[in-house]
Structures are given as C-alpha cells and as structure tokens.
All heavy atoms as atom14 arrays in JSON, in Angstrom:
{
  "sequence": "SISHFADGEIAVKVNETVRGRDVFLIQPTSNPVNESLMEALIIIDALK",
  "atom14_mask": [
    [1, 1, 1, 1, 1, 1, 0, 0, 0, 0, 0, 0, 0, 0],
    [1, 1, 1, 1, 1, 1, 1, 1, 0, 0, 0, 0, 0, 0],
    [1, 1, 1, 1, 1, 1, 0, 0, 0, 0, 0, 0, 0, 0],
    [1, 1, 1, 1, 1, 1, 1, 1, 1, 1, 0, 0, 0, 0],
    [1, 1, 1, 1, 1, 1, 1, 1, 1, 1, 1, 0, 0, 0],
    [1, 1, 1, 1, 1, 0, 0, 0, 0, 0, 0, 0, 0, 0],
    [1, 1, 1, 1, 1, 1, 1, 1, 0, 0, 0, 0, 0, 0],
    [1, 1, 1, 1, 0, 0, 0, 0, 0, 0, 0, 0, 0, 0],
    [1, 1, 1, 1, 1, 1, 1, 1, 1, 0, 0, 0, 0, 0],
    [1, 1, 1, 1, 1, 1, 1, 1, 0, 0, 0, 0, 0, 0],
    [1, 1, 1, 1, 1, 0, 0, 0, 0, 0, 0, 0, 0, 0],
    [1, 1, 1, 1, 1, 1, 1, 0, 0, 0, 0, 0, 0, 0],
    [1, 1, 1, 1, 1, 1, 1, 1, 1, 0, 0, 0, 0, 0],
    [1, 1, 1, 1, 1, 1, 1, 0, 0, 0, 0, 0, 0, 0],
    [1, 1, 1, 1, 1, 1, 1, 1, 0, 0, 0, 0, 0, 0],
    [1, 1, 1, 1, 1, 1, 1, 1, 1, 0, 0, 0, 0, 0],
    [1, 1, 1, 1, 1, 1, 1, 0, 0, 0, 0, 0, 0, 0],
    [1, 1, 1, 1, 1, 1, 1, 0, 0, 0, 0, 0, 0, 0],
    [1, 1, 1, 1, 1, 1, 1, 1, 1, 1, 1, 0, 0, 0],
    [1, 1, 1, 1, 0, 0, 0, 0, 0, 0, 0, 0, 0, 0],
    [1, 1, 1, 1, 1, 1, 1, 1, 1, 1, 1, 0, 0, 0],
    [1, 1, 1, 1, 1, 1, 1, 1, 0, 0, 0, 0, 0, 0],
    [1, 1, 1, 1, 1, 1, 1, 0, 0, 0, 0, 0, 0, 0],
    [1, 1, 1, 1, 1, 1, 1, 1, 1, 1, 1, 0, 0, 0],
    [1, 1, 1, 1, 1, 1, 1, 1, 0, 0, 0, 0, 0, 0],
    [1, 1, 1, 1, 1, 1, 1, 1, 0, 0, 0, 0, 0, 0],
    [1, 1, 1, 1, 1, 1, 1, 1, 1, 0, 0, 0, 0, 0],
    [1, 1, 1, 1, 1, 1, 1, 0, 0, 0, 0, 0, 0, 0],
    [1, 1, 1, 1, 1, 1, 1, 0, 0, 0, 0, 0, 0, 0],
    [1, 1, 1, 1, 1, 1, 0, 0, 0, 0, 0, 0, 0, 0],
    [1, 1, 1, 1, 1, 1, 1, 1, 0, 0, 0, 0, 0, 0],
    [1, 1, 1, 1, 1, 1, 1, 0, 0, 0, 0, 0, 0, 0],
    [1, 1, 1, 1, 1, 1, 1, 0, 0, 0, 0, 0, 0, 0],
    [1, 1, 1, 1, 1, 1, 1, 1, 0, 0, 0, 0, 0, 0],
    [1, 1, 1, 1, 1, 1, 1, 1, 1, 0, 0, 0, 0, 0],
    [1, 1, 1, 1, 1, 1, 0, 0, 0, 0, 0, 0, 0, 0],
    [1, 1, 1, 1, 1, 1, 1, 1, 0, 0, 0, 0, 0, 0],
    [1, 1, 1, 1, 1, 1, 1, 1, 0, 0, 0, 0, 0, 0],
    [1, 1, 1, 1, 1, 1, 1, 1, 1, 0, 0, 0, 0, 0],
    [1, 1, 1, 1, 1, 0, 0, 0, 0, 0, 0, 0, 0, 0],
    [1, 1, 1, 1, 1, 1, 1, 1, 0, 0, 0, 0, 0, 0],
    [1, 1, 1, 1, 1, 1, 1, 1, 0, 0, 0, 0, 0, 0],
    [1, 1, 1, 1, 1, 1, 1, 1, 0, 0, 0, 0, 0, 0],
    [1, 1, 1, 1, 1, 1, 1, 1, 0, 0, 0, 0, 0, 0],
    [1, 1, 1, 1, 1, 1, 1, 1, 0, 0, 0, 0, 0, 0],
    [1, 1, 1, 1, 1, 0, 0, 0, 0, 0, 0, 0, 0, 0],
    [1, 1, 1, 1, 1, 1, 1, 1, 0, 0, 0, 0, 0, 0],
    [1, 1, 1, 1, 1, 1, 1, 1, 1, 0, 0, 0, 0, 0]
  ],
  "atom14_positions": [
    [[-0.26, 2.42, 7.91], [1.09, 3.16, 7.99], [1.85, 2.82, 6.79], [2.02, 1.63, 6.37], [1.82, 2.63, 9.23], [1.07, 2.97, 10.41], [0.0, 0.0, 0.0], [0.0, 0.0, 0.0], [0.0, 0.0, 0.0], [0.0, 0.0, 0.0], [0.0, 0.0, 0.0], [0.0, 0.0, 0.0], [0.0, 0.0, 0.0], [0.0, 0.0, 0.0]],
    [[2.37, 3.84, 6.11], [3.23, 3.64, 4.9], [4.53, 4.4, 5.16], [4.54, 5.62, 5.37], [2.53, 4.17, 3.64], [1.17, 3.47, 3.42], [3.38, 4.0, 2.41], [0.27, 4.12, 2.34], [0.0, 0.0, 0.0], [0.0, 0.0, 0.0], [0.0, 0.0, 0.0], [0.0, 0.0, 0.0], [0.0, 0.0, 0.0], [0.0, 0.0, 0.0]],
    [[5.67, 3.69, 5.07], [6.96, 4.27, 5.33], [7.92, 3.66, 4.38], [7.58, 2.84, 3.43], [7.35, 4.05, 6.75], [7.41, 2.62, 7.03], [0.0, 0.0, 0.0], [0.0, 0.0, 0.0], [0.0, 0.0, 0.0], [0.0, 0.0, 0.0], [0.0, 0.0, 0.0], [0.0, 0.0, 0.0], [0.0, 0.0, 0.0], [0.0, 0.0, 0.0]],
    [[9.19, 4.02, 4.47], [10.14, 3.49, 3.58], [11.46, 3.02, 4.39], [11.79, 3.58, 5.44], [10.71, 4.61, 2.62], [9.64, 5.0, 1.61], [8.59, 5.88, 1.95], [9.44, 4.67, 0.34], [7.87, 6.07, 0.94], [8.34, 5.3, -0.09], [0.0, 0.0, 0.0], [0.0, 0.0, 0.0], [0.0, 0.0, 0.0], [0.0, 0.0, 0.0]],
    [[11.98, 1.94, 3.86], [13.29, 1.46, 4.37], [14.41, 2.45, 3.87], [14.13, 3.27, 2.97], [13.62, 0.06, 3.94], [12.71, -1.01, 4.5], [11.63, -1.58, 3.7], [12.86, -1.43, 5.77], [10.8, -2.49, 4.28], [11.97, -2.41, 6.36], [10.97, -2.93, 5.62], [0.0, 0.0, 0.0], [0.0, 0.0, 0.0], [0.0, 0.0, 0.0]],
    [[15.62, 2.3, 4.42], [16.61, 3.2, 4.1], [17.01, 3.17, 2.53], [17.4, 4.27, 2.03], [17.9, 2.87, 4.89], [0.0, 0.0, 0.0], [0.0, 0.0, 0.0], [0.0, 0.0, 0.0], [0.0, 0.0, 0.0], [0.0, 0.0, 0.0], [0.0, 0.0, 0.0], [0.0, 0.0, 0.0], [0.0, 0.0, 0.0], [0.0, 0.0, 0.0]],
    [[16.76, 2.05, 1.89], [17.08, 2.03, 0.53], [15.95, 2.39, -0.43], [16.01, 2.23, -1.62], [17.53, 0.59, 0.11], [16.46, -0.47, 0.31], [15.38, -0.08, 0.88], [16.66, -1.58, -0.07], [0.0, 0.0, 0.0], [0.0, 0.0, 0.0], [0.0, 0.0, 0.0], [0.0, 0.0, 0.0], [0.0, 0.0, 0.0], [0.0, 0.0, 0.0]],
    [[14.81, 2.85, 0.2], [13.71, 3.32, -0.62], [12.58, 2.33, -0.73], [11.53, 2.68, -1.27], [0.0, 0.0, 0.0], [0.0, 0.0, 0.0], [0.0, 0.0, 0.0], [0.0, 0.0, 0.0], [0.0, 0.0, 0.0], [0.0, 0.0, 0.0], [0.0, 0.0, 0.0], [0.0, 0.0, 0.0], [0.0, 0.0, 0.0], [0.0, 0.0, 0.0]],
    [[12.76, 1.06, -0.27], [11.65, 0.11, -0.37], [10.46, 0.57, 0.5], [10.61, 1.17, 1.53], [12.14, -1.25, 0.13], [13.2, -1.93, -0.73], [13.63, -3.23, -0.17], [13.09, -3.65, 0.83], [14.58, -3.85, -0.76], [0.0, 0.0, 0.0], [0.0, 0.0, 0.0], [0.0, 0.0, 0.0], [0.0, 0.0, 0.0], [0.0, 0.0, 0.0]],
    [[9.28, 0.25, -0.02], [8.0, 0.66, 0.63], [7.66, -0.31, 1.77], [7.65, -1.56, 1.5], [6.86, 0.83, -0.35], [7.24, 1.87, -1.44], [5.57, 1.2, 0.3], [6.34, 1.87, -2.63], [0.0, 0.0, 0.0], [0.0, 0.0, 0.0], [0.0, 0.0, 0.0], [0.0, 0.0, 0.0], [0.0, 0.0, 0.0], [0.0, 0.0, 0.0]],
    [[7.35, 0.16, 2.92], [6.87, -0.66, 3.99], [5.45, -0.26, 4.36], [5.18, 0.89, 4.49], [7.83, -0.46, 5.23], [0.0, 0.0, 0.0], [0.0, 0.0, 0.0], [0.0, 0.0, 0.0], [0.0, 0.0, 0.0], [0.0, 0.0, 0.0], [0.0, 0.0, 0.0], [0.0, 0.0, 0.0], [0.0, 0.0, 0.0], [0.0, 0.0, 0.0]],
    [[4.63, -1.31, 4.43], [3.17, -1.07, 4.74], [2.7, -1.86, 5.95], [3.1, -3.0, 6.12], [2.38, -1.5, 3.52], [0.82, -1.48, 3.89], [2.58, -0.49, 2.37], [0.0, 0.0, 0.0], [0.0, 0.0, 0.0], [0.0, 0.0, 0.0], [0.0, 0.0, 0.0], [0.0, 0.0, 0.0], [0.0, 0.0, 0.0], [0.0, 0.0, 0.0]],
    [[1.89, -1.24, 6.78], [1.3, -1.93, 7.92], [-0.12, -1.47, 8.03], [-0.46, -0.32, 8.22], [2.04, -1.59, 9.23], [1.42, -2.23, 10.45], [1.58, -3.67, 10.54], [1.27, -4.25, 11.93], [-0.11, -4.12, 12.33], [0.0, 0.0, 0.0], [0.0, 0.0, 0.0], [0.0, 0.0, 0.0], [0.0, 0.0, 0.0], [0.0, 0.0, 0.0]],
    [[-1.07, -2.45, 7.87], [-2.51, -2.14, 8.04], [-2.79, -2.23, 9.52], [-2.61, -3.23, 10.21], [-3.42, -3.17, 7.25], [-4.87, -2.85, 7.53], [-3.11, -3.17, 5.8], [0.0, 0.0, 0.0], [0.0, 0.0, 0.0], [0.0, 0.0, 0.0], [0.0, 0.0, 0.0], [0.0, 0.0, 0.0], [0.0, 0.0, 0.0], [0.0, 0.0, 0.0]],
    [[-3.27, -1.05, 10.11], [-3.37, -0.94, 11.55], [-4.78, -1.24, 12.15], [-5.08, -0.78, 13.23], [-2.95, 0.43, 11.95], [-1.43, 0.74, 11.64], [-0.61, -0.18, 11.81], [-1.15, 1.93, 11.16], [0.0, 0.0, 0.0], [0.0, 0.0, 0.0], [0.0, 0.0, 0.0], [0.0, 0.0, 0.0], [0.0, 0.0, 0.0], [0.0, 0.0, 0.0]],
    [[-5.57, -1.99, 11.41], [-6.87, -2.43, 11.92], [-7.31, -3.68, 11.21], [-6.82, -3.96, 10.11], [-7.92, -1.31, 11.8], [-8.16, -0.8, 10.33], [-9.14, 0.31, 10.35], [-10.32, 0.02, 10.43], [-8.66, 1.53, 10.28], [0.0, 0.0, 0.0], [0.0, 0.0, 0.0], [0.0, 0.0, 0.0], [0.0, 0.0, 0.0], [0.0, 0.0, 0.0]],
    [[-8.15, -4.43, 11.82], [-8.64, -5.67, 11.19], [-9.36, -5.49, 9.89], [-10.23, -4.61, 9.88], [-9.39, -6.57, 12.18], [-9.73, -7.79, 11.59], [-10.66, -5.85, 12.57], [0.0, 0.0, 0.0], [0.0, 0.0, 0.0], [0.0, 0.0, 0.0], [0.0, 0.0, 0.0], [0.0, 0.0, 0.0], [0.0, 0.0, 0.0], [0.0, 0.0, 0.0]],
    [[-9.1, -6.26, 8.91], [-9.86, -6.31, 7.71], [-10.43, -7.69, 7.37], [-10.91, -7.91, 6.3], [-9.06, -5.8, 6.5], [-8.7, -4.31, 6.68], [-7.75, -6.65, 6.33], [0.0, 0.0, 0.0], [0.0, 0.0, 0.0], [0.0, 0.0, 0.0], [0.0, 0.0, 0.0], [0.0, 0.0, 0.0], [0.0, 0.0, 0.0], [0.0, 0.0, 0.0]],
    [[-10.3, -8.63, 8.32], [-10.65, -9.98, 8.09], [-12.13, -10.06, 7.75], [-13.03, -9.57, 8.5], [-10.38, -10.8, 9.32], [-10.69, -12.34, 9.16], [-10.31, -13.11, 10.38], [-8.86, -13.05, 10.67], [-7.97, -13.87, 10.1], [-8.36, -14.87, 9.27], [-6.7, -13.8, 10.41], [0.0, 0.0, 0.0], [0.0, 0.0, 0.0], [0.0, 0.0, 0.0]],
    [[-12.43, -10.61, 6.53], [-13.86, -10.78, 6.16], [-14.5, -9.49, 5.64], [-15.7, -9.52, 5.31], [0.0, 0.0, 0.0], [0.0, 0.0, 0.0], [0.0, 0.0, 0.0], [0.0, 0.0, 0.0], [0.0, 0.0, 0.0], [0.0, 0.0, 0.0], [0.0, 0.0, 0.0], [0.0, 0.0, 0.0], [0.0, 0.0, 0.0], [0.0, 0.0, 0.0]],
    [[-13.77, -8.38, 5.59], [-14.37, -7.09, 5.19], [-14.22, -6.93, 3.66], [-13.28, -7.45, 2.99], [-13.63, -5.98, 5.86], [-14.2, -5.44, 7.15], [-14.31, -6.53, 8.24], [-14.51, -5.83, 9.54], [-14.41, -6.46, 10.71], [-14.21, -7.72, 10.72], [-14.63, -5.8, 11.79], [0.0, 0.0, 0.0], [0.0, 0.0, 0.0], [0.0, 0.0, 0.0]],
    [[-15.12, -6.13, 3.08], [-14.92, -5.6, 1.68], [-14.17, -4.35, 1.82], [-14.58, -3.41, 2.51], [-16.29, -5.37, 1.09], [-17.07, -6.64, 0.77], [-16.42, -7.77, 0.87], [-18.25, -6.56, 0.4], [0.0, 0.0, 0.0], [0.0, 0.0, 0.0], [0.0, 0.0, 0.0], [0.0, 0.0, 0.0], [0.0, 0.0, 0.0], [0.0, 0.0, 0.0]],
    [[-13.05, -4.3, 1.18], [-12.13, -3.19, 1.31], [-11.94, -2.44, -0.01], [-11.89, -3.03, -1.12], [-10.7, -3.69, 1.74], [-9.7, -2.56, 1.81], [-10.79, -4.41, 3.09], [0.0, 0.0, 0.0], [0.0, 0.0, 0.0], [0.0, 0.0, 0.0], [0.0, 0.0, 0.0], [0.0, 0.0, 0.0], [0.0, 0.0, 0.0], [0.0, 0.0, 0.0]],
    [[-11.96, -1.13, 0.07], [-11.71, -0.23, -1.11], [-10.42, 0.5, -0.86], [-10.26, 1.19, 0.19], [-12.87, 0.71, -1.28], [-14.11, 0.05, -1.75], [-14.98, -0.55, -0.87], [-14.41, 0.03, -3.11], [-16.11, -1.2, -1.29], [-15.58, -0.64, -3.54], [-16.43, -1.23, -2.63], [0.0, 0.0, 0.0], [0.0, 0.0, 0.0], [0.0, 0.0, 0.0]],
    [[-9.44, 0.39, -1.77], [-8.22, 1.13, -1.76], [-8.23, 2.26, -2.78], [-8.36, 1.97, -3.93], [-7.02, 0.2, -2.01], [-5.67, 0.84, -2.22], [-5.29, 1.59, -1.0], [-4.68, -0.21, -2.61], [0.0, 0.0, 0.0], [0.0, 0.0, 0.0], [0.0, 0.0, 0.0], [0.0, 0.0, 0.0], [0.0, 0.0, 0.0], [0.0, 0.0, 0.0]],
    [[-8.08, 3.48, -2.3], [-8.01, 4.66, -3.21], [-6.57, 4.96, -3.48], [-5.83, 5.35, -2.66], [-8.67, 5.92, -2.55], [-9.99, 5.55, -1.87], [-8.83, 6.97, -3.61], [-11.05, 5.06, -2.81], [0.0, 0.0, 0.0], [0.0, 0.0, 0.0], [0.0, 0.0, 0.0], [0.0, 0.0, 0.0], [0.0, 0.0, 0.0], [0.0, 0.0, 0.0]],
    [[-6.15, 4.79, -4.79], [-4.75, 5.0, -5.13], [-4.56, 5.26, -6.58], [-4.35, 4.34, -7.4], [-3.84, 3.87, -4.61], [-2.4, 3.99, -4.99], [-1.63, 4.95, -4.08], [-2.21, 5.83, -3.41], [-0.36, 4.84, -4.09], [0.0, 0.0, 0.0], [0.0, 0.0, 0.0], [0.0, 0.0, 0.0], [0.0, 0.0, 0.0], [0.0, 0.0, 0.0]],
    [[-4.63, 6.45, -7.1], [-4.3, 6.75, -8.51], [-2.79, 6.63, -8.69], [-2.01, 6.83, -7.75], [-4.79, 8.22, -8.71], [-4.75, 8.74, -7.33], [-5.11, 7.71, -6.41], [0.0, 0.0, 0.0], [0.0, 0.0, 0.0], [0.0, 0.0, 0.0], [0.0, 0.0, 0.0], [0.0, 0.0, 0.0], [0.0, 0.0, 0.0], [0.0, 0.0, 0.0]],
    [[-2.36, 6.3, -9.94], [-0.96, 6.16, -10.2], [-0.42, 7.5, -10.7], [0.14, 7.58, -11.81], [-0.72, 5.04, -11.18], [-1.46, 5.34, -12.35], [-1.04, 3.71, -10.67], [0.0, 0.0, 0.0], [0.0, 0.0, 0.0], [0.0, 0.0, 0.0], [0.0, 0.0, 0.0], [0.0, 0.0, 0.0], [0.0, 0.0, 0.0], [0.0, 0.0, 0.0]],
    [[-0.52, 8.53, -9.92], [-0.04, 9.83, -10.28], [1.47, 9.98, -9.9], [2.04, 9.12, -9.2], [-0.87, 10.98, -9.66], [-1.09, 10.65, -8.27], [0.0, 0.0, 0.0], [0.0, 0.0, 0.0], [0.0, 0.0, 0.0], [0.0, 0.0, 0.0], [0.0, 0.0, 0.0], [0.0, 0.0, 0.0], [0.0, 0.0, 0.0], [0.0, 0.0, 0.0]],
    [[2.05, 11.03, -10.26], [3.49, 11.33, -10.03], [3.81, 11.21, -8.55], [3.14, 11.9, -7.72], [3.88, 12.64, -10.63], [5.37, 12.85, -10.6], [6.15, 11.97, -10.88], [5.75, 14.08, -10.35], [0.0, 0.0, 0.0], [0.0, 0.0, 0.0], [0.0, 0.0, 0.0], [0.0, 0.0, 0.0], [0.0, 0.0, 0.0], [0.0, 0.0, 0.0]],
    [[4.84, 10.43, -8.12], [5.73, 9.58, -8.95], [5.05, 8.29, -9.32], [4.56, 7.56, -8.4], [6.9, 9.32, -8.03], [6.38, 9.47, -6.64], [5.23, 10.49, -6.7], [0.0, 0.0, 0.0], [0.0, 0.0, 0.0], [0.0, 0.0, 0.0], [0.0, 0.0, 0.0], [0.0, 0.0, 0.0], [0.0, 0.0, 0.0], [0.0, 0.0, 0.0]],
    [[4.9, 8.02, -10.62], [4.01, 6.95, -11.11], [4.46, 5.61, -10.57], [3.68, 4.81, -10.06], [4.01, 6.96, -12.68], [3.17, 5.8, -13.18], [3.52, 8.35, -13.18], [0.0, 0.0, 0.0], [0.0, 0.0, 0.0], [0.0, 0.0, 0.0], [0.0, 0.0, 0.0], [0.0, 0.0, 0.0], [0.0, 0.0, 0.0], [0.0, 0.0, 0.0]],
    [[5.73, 5.31, -10.74], [6.2, 3.98, -10.31], [6.02, 3.71, -8.79], [5.68, 2.69, -8.38], [7.65, 3.78, -10.68], [7.85, 3.86, -12.23], [6.88, 3.51, -12.97], [8.99, 4.34, -12.63], [0.0, 0.0, 0.0], [0.0, 0.0, 0.0], [0.0, 0.0, 0.0], [0.0, 0.0, 0.0], [0.0, 0.0, 0.0], [0.0, 0.0, 0.0]],
    [[6.3, 4.83, -8.0], [6.15, 4.73, -6.54], [4.68, 4.44, -6.2], [4.33, 3.63, -5.37], [6.63, 6.02, -5.9], [6.42, 6.14, -4.47], [7.69, 5.6, -3.64], [8.62, 5.18, -4.29], [7.58, 5.59, -2.47], [0.0, 0.0, 0.0], [0.0, 0.0, 0.0], [0.0, 0.0, 0.0], [0.0, 0.0, 0.0], [0.0, 0.0, 0.0]],
    [[3.78, 5.19, -6.84], [2.33, 5.06, -6.61], [1.83, 3.7, -6.96], [1.0, 3.1, -6.21], [1.51, 6.15, -7.33], [1.88, 7.41, -6.92], [0.0, 0.0, 0.0], [0.0, 0.0, 0.0], [0.0, 0.0, 0.0], [0.0, 0.0, 0.0], [0.0, 0.0, 0.0], [0.0, 0.0, 0.0], [0.0, 0.0, 0.0], [0.0, 0.0, 0.0]],
    [[2.26, 3.18, -8.11], [1.84, 1.87, -8.5], [2.32, 0.78, -7.58], [1.5, -0.04, -7.19], [2.29, 1.6, -9.95], [2.04, 0.2, -10.54], [0.54, -0.1, -10.57], [2.64, 0.04, -11.92], [0.0, 0.0, 0.0], [0.0, 0.0, 0.0], [0.0, 0.0, 0.0], [0.0, 0.0, 0.0], [0.0, 0.0, 0.0], [0.0, 0.0, 0.0]],
    [[3.63, 0.85, -7.22], [4.18, -0.16, -6.39], [3.53, -0.09, -4.99], [3.27, -1.16, -4.38], [5.71, 0.05, -6.25], [6.41, -1.12, -5.69], [6.32, -2.52, -6.82], [6.82, -3.85, -5.76], [0.0, 0.0, 0.0], [0.0, 0.0, 0.0], [0.0, 0.0, 0.0], [0.0, 0.0, 0.0], [0.0, 0.0, 0.0], [0.0, 0.0, 0.0]],
    [[3.29, 1.1, -4.51], [2.59, 1.26, -3.29], [1.21, 0.52, -3.22], [0.85, -0.11, -2.31], [2.42, 2.79, -2.94], [1.97, 3.06, -1.57], [1.97, 4.57, -1.28], [3.02, 5.16, -1.1], [0.8, 5.1, -1.32], [0.0, 0.0, 0.0], [0.0, 0.0, 0.0], [0.0, 0.0, 0.0], [0.0, 0.0, 0.0], [0.0, 0.0, 0.0]],
    [[0.42, 0.72, -4.41], [-0.89, 0.13, -4.53], [-0.74, -1.39, -4.41], [-1.54, -2.09, -3.74], [-1.52, 0.53, -5.86], [0.0, 0.0, 0.0], [0.0, 0.0, 0.0], [0.0, 0.0, 0.0], [0.0, 0.0, 0.0], [0.0, 0.0, 0.0], [0.0, 0.0, 0.0], [0.0, 0.0, 0.0], [0.0, 0.0, 0.0], [0.0, 0.0, 0.0]],
    [[0.23, -1.94, -5.14], [0.44, -3.36, -5.21], [0.79, -3.92, -3.86], [0.25, -4.96, -3.4], [1.52, -3.77, -6.15], [1.29, -3.31, -7.65], [2.48, -3.66, -8.55], [0.05, -4.05, -8.17], [0.0, 0.0, 0.0], [0.0, 0.0, 0.0], [0.0, 0.0, 0.0], [0.0, 0.0, 0.0], [0.0, 0.0, 0.0], [0.0, 0.0, 0.0]],
    [[1.61, -3.23, -3.13], [2.06, -3.69, -1.77], [0.89, -3.64, -0.81], [0.69, -4.61, 0.03], [3.23, -2.91, -1.27], [4.5, -3.22, -2.15], [3.6, -3.21, 0.21], [5.67, -2.3, -1.92], [0.0, 0.0, 0.0], [0.0, 0.0, 0.0], [0.0, 0.0, 0.0], [0.0, 0.0, 0.0], [0.0, 0.0, 0.0], [0.0, 0.0, 0.0]],
    [[0.04, -2.58, -0.85], [-1.1, -2.49, 0.05], [-2.12, -3.56, -0.24], [-2.63, -4.23, 0.68], [-1.73, -1.09, -0.09], [-0.81, 0.02, 0.38], [-3.05, -1.08, 0.78], [-1.26, 1.4, 0.11], [0.0, 0.0, 0.0], [0.0, 0.0, 0.0], [0.0, 0.0, 0.0], [0.0, 0.0, 0.0], [0.0, 0.0, 0.0], [0.0, 0.0, 0.0]],
    [[-2.31, -3.88, -1.56], [-3.2, -4.92, -1.91], [-2.69, -6.28, -1.34], [-3.53, -7.05, -0.79], [-3.37, -5.09, -3.49], [-4.13, -3.83, -4.06], [-4.04, -6.33, -3.89], [-4.06, -3.7, -5.53], [0.0, 0.0, 0.0], [0.0, 0.0, 0.0], [0.0, 0.0, 0.0], [0.0, 0.0, 0.0], [0.0, 0.0, 0.0], [0.0, 0.0, 0.0]],
    [[-1.44, -6.52, -1.45], [-0.84, -7.77, -0.92], [-1.08, -7.87, 0.59], [-1.34, -8.9, 1.07], [0.61, -7.82, -1.25], [1.26, -9.16, -0.86], [0.97, -10.13, -1.49], [1.98, -9.2, 0.11], [0.0, 0.0, 0.0], [0.0, 0.0, 0.0], [0.0, 0.0, 0.0], [0.0, 0.0, 0.0], [0.0, 0.0, 0.0], [0.0, 0.0, 0.0]],
    [[-0.88, -6.67, 1.25], [-1.06, -6.67, 2.73], [-2.48, -6.95, 3.11], [-2.76, -7.77, 4.03], [-0.61, -5.33, 3.29], [0.0, 0.0, 0.0], [0.0, 0.0, 0.0], [0.0, 0.0, 0.0], [0.0, 0.0, 0.0], [0.0, 0.0, 0.0], [0.0, 0.0, 0.0], [0.0, 0.0, 0.0], [0.0, 0.0, 0.0], [0.0, 0.0, 0.0]],
    [[-3.43, -6.36, 2.32], [-4.85, -6.65, 2.63], [-5.22, -8.09, 2.33], [-6.03, -8.7, 3.09], [-5.73, -5.67, 1.75], [-5.56, -4.2, 2.08], [-6.25, -3.37, 0.98], [-6.19, -3.86, 3.4], [0.0, 0.0, 0.0], [0.0, 0.0, 0.0], [0.0, 0.0, 0.0], [0.0, 0.0, 0.0], [0.0, 0.0, 0.0], [0.0, 0.0, 0.0]],
    [[-4.74, -8.64, 1.25], [-5.02, -10.02, 0.91], [-4.52, -10.98, 2.06], [-5.23, -11.86, 2.43], [-4.37, -10.43, -0.47], [-4.48, -11.86, -0.82], [-3.78, -12.07, -2.15], [-2.24, -11.97, -2.04], [-1.54, -12.36, -3.29], [0.0, 0.0, 0.0], [0.0, 0.0, 0.0], [0.0, 0.0, 0.0], [0.0, 0.0, 0.0], [0.0, 0.0, 0.0]]
  ]
}
C-alpha cells in the first residue's frame, strides 16, 4: 500500500511477509522524478 499524508509525505505498508525472501522492487525514476525516487527509497527501507 502506497499513500500520502496530508502534507505530501509518502506512506508505505508492505502487506505480506518478506522475512527471509529475495525481493525485487520495480521502480523507474520517471516523472515525477523526485517522487518516484523517494518512493523507491522508502519501499526499500520498509523491506529492509
């Protein structure tokens, strides 16, 4: 689940277990570039 707080901050929730799994995240940094990049970083942090 990917949503936003009222001020635009990105909120991420991984809705299934990834413990011990090899995970692939598909996320090009296309327009909006900064939003896409930040989203990728936050999802990576959530998975870690």
